[in-house]
Amino acid sequence: EIDLSKINSFTCYVKRLLKRFISCRFEFITRNGNQTAHAMASERMLRQGEAFLVEDASSLILNSAAIDRQYMDPP
């Protein structure tokens, strides 16, 4: 089927990458469990031209990751 979404280029890229893996699993994560992605994107916008390295993660991002982990780890 034809993908007319705004993120079509990203989904096509991911589908091409998937062909390189033996197995892959996607899981739905609620918006509450994805605060790290939002924090990283926001910080990246502030830095504009600079790349983002995990070693340079701010405390906001590290704290967000700790919170997000609660939504991903089994009880």
C-alpha atoms as a PDB file:
ATOM      1  CA  GLU A   1       0.000   0.000   0.000  1.00  0.00           C
ATOM      2  CA  ILE A   2       1.122   3.580  -0.543  1.00  0.00           C
ATOM      3  CA  ASP A   3       2.299   5.526   2.498  1.00  0.00           C
ATOM      4  CA  LEU A   4       1.155   9.151   2.231  1.00  0.00           C
ATOM      5  CA  SER A   5       2.173  10.109   5.759  1.00  0.00           C
ATOM      6  CA  LYS A   6       4.511  12.983   6.583  1.00  0.00           C
ATOM      7  CA  ILE A   7       7.085  10.521   7.916  1.00  0.00           C
ATOM      8  CA  ASN A   8       7.108   8.353   4.785  1.00  0.00           C
ATOM      9  CA  SER A   9      10.817   8.895   4.123  1.00  0.00           C
ATOM     10  CA  PHE A  10      11.672   7.721   7.653  1.00  0.00           C
ATOM     11  CA  THR A  11       9.496   4.610   7.506  1.00  0.00           C
ATOM     12  CA  CYS A  12      10.940   3.648   4.116  1.00  0.00           C
ATOM     13  CA  TYR A  13      14.461   4.056   5.510  1.00  0.00           C
ATOM     14  CA  VAL A  14      13.642   1.889   8.530  1.00  0.00           C
ATOM     15  CA  LYS A  15      12.130  -0.791   6.297  1.00  0.00           C
ATOM     16  CA  ARG A  16      15.337  -0.877   4.248  1.00  0.00           C
ATOM     17  CA  LEU A  17      17.434  -1.157   7.432  1.00  0.00           C
ATOM     18  CA  LEU A  18      15.278  -4.040   8.683  1.00  0.00           C
ATOM     19  CA  LYS A  19      16.440  -6.201   5.789  1.00  0.00           C
ATOM     20  CA  ARG A  20      19.928  -6.226   7.345  1.00  0.00           C
ATOM     21  CA  PHE A  21      18.762  -7.835  10.610  1.00  0.00           C
ATOM     22  CA  ILE A  22      18.067 -11.492  11.286  1.00  0.00           C
ATOM     23  CA  SER A  23      15.275 -10.515  13.662  1.00  0.00           C
ATOM     24  CA  CYS A  24      13.738  -7.314  14.944  1.00  0.00           C
ATOM     25  CA  ARG A  25      10.936  -6.465  17.351  1.00  0.00           C
ATOM     26  CA  PHE A  26       8.957  -3.259  17.660  1.00  0.00           C
ATOM     27  CA  GLU A  27       7.001  -2.384  20.762  1.00  0.00           C
ATOM     28  CA  PHE A  28       4.496   0.361  21.384  1.00  0.00           C
ATOM     29  CA  ILE A  29       5.587   2.753  24.108  1.00  0.00           C
ATOM     30  CA  THR A  30       3.235   5.384  25.441  1.00  0.00           C
ATOM     31  CA  ARG A  31       4.107   9.042  25.157  1.00  0.00           C
ATOM     32  CA  ASN A  32       4.829   9.058  28.887  1.00  0.00           C
ATOM     33  CA  GLY A  33       7.467   6.396  28.318  1.00  0.00           C
ATOM     34  CA  ASN A  34       9.230   8.308  25.572  1.00  0.00           C
ATOM     35  CA  GLN A  35      10.333  11.460  27.366  1.00  0.00           C
ATOM     36  CA  THR A  36      13.983  10.849  26.501  1.00  0.00           C
ATOM     37  CA  ALA A  37      13.391  11.160  22.756  1.00  0.00           C
ATOM     38  CA  HIS A  38      11.595  14.452  23.333  1.00  0.00           C
ATOM     39  CA  ALA A  39      14.346  15.757  25.641  1.00  0.00           C
ATOM     40  CA  MET A  40      17.073  14.787  23.166  1.00  0.00           C
ATOM     41  CA  ALA A  41      15.247  16.403  20.236  1.00  0.00           C
ATOM     42  CA  SER A  42      14.684  19.580  22.244  1.00  0.00           C
ATOM     43  CA  GLU A  43      18.339  19.779  23.288  1.00  0.00           C
ATOM     44  CA  ARG A  44      19.466  19.122  19.716  1.00  0.00           C
ATOM     45  CA  MET A  45      17.348  22.045  18.508  1.00  0.00           C
ATOM     46  CA  LEU A  46      19.106  24.309  21.009  1.00  0.00           C
ATOM     47  CA  ARG A  47      22.546  23.207  19.836  1.00  0.00           C
ATOM     48  CA  GLN A  48      21.591  23.653  16.144  1.00  0.00           C
ATOM     49  CA  GLY A  49      24.785  22.667  14.296  1.00  0.00           C
ATOM     50  CA  GLU A  50      26.353  20.375  16.875  1.00  0.00           C
ATOM     51  CA  ALA A  51      26.010  16.613  17.037  1.00  0.00           C
ATOM     52  CA  PHE A  52      24.609  15.001  20.167  1.00  0.00           C
ATOM     53  CA  LEU A  53      26.785  12.453  21.942  1.00  0.00           C
ATOM     54  CA  VAL A  54      25.588  10.161  24.713  1.00  0.00           C
ATOM     55  CA  GLU A  55      28.686  11.027  26.723  1.00  0.00           C
ATOM     56  CA  ASP A  56      27.555  14.685  26.693  1.00  0.00           C
ATOM     57  CA  ALA A  57      23.997  13.957  27.798  1.00  0.00           C
ATOM     58  CA  SER A  58      22.584  16.533  30.165  1.00  0.00           C
ATOM     59  CA  SER A  59      21.116  15.601  33.519  1.00  0.00           C
ATOM     60  CA  LEU A  60      17.639  16.268  32.074  1.00  0.00           C
ATOM     61  CA  ILE A  61      18.177  13.577  29.444  1.00  0.00           C
ATOM     62  CA  LEU A  62      19.701  11.117  31.907  1.00  0.00           C
ATOM     63  CA  ASN A  63      16.774  11.626  34.297  1.00  0.00           C
ATOM     64  CA  SER A  64      14.294  11.203  31.432  1.00  0.00           C
ATOM     65  CA  ALA A  65      15.977   7.933  30.458  1.00  0.00           C
ATOM     66  CA  ALA A  66      15.658   6.656  34.029  1.00  0.00           C
ATOM     67  CA  ILE A  67      11.927   7.478  34.017  1.00  0.00           C
ATOM     68  CA  ASP A  68      11.405   5.947  30.566  1.00  0.00           C
ATOM     69  CA  ARG A  69      13.069   2.717  31.693  1.00  0.00           C
ATOM     70  CA  GLN A  70      10.168   2.207  34.132  1.00  0.00           C
ATOM     71  CA  TYR A  71       7.803   1.893  31.150  1.00  0.00           C
ATOM     72  CA  MET A  72      10.021  -0.584  29.329  1.00  0.00           C
ATOM     73  CA  ASP A  73      11.190  -2.954  32.049  1.00  0.00           C
ATOM     74  CA  PRO A  74       8.843  -5.780  33.020  1.00  0.00           C
ATOM     75  CA  PRO A  75       7.392  -5.461  36.534  1.00  0.00           C
END
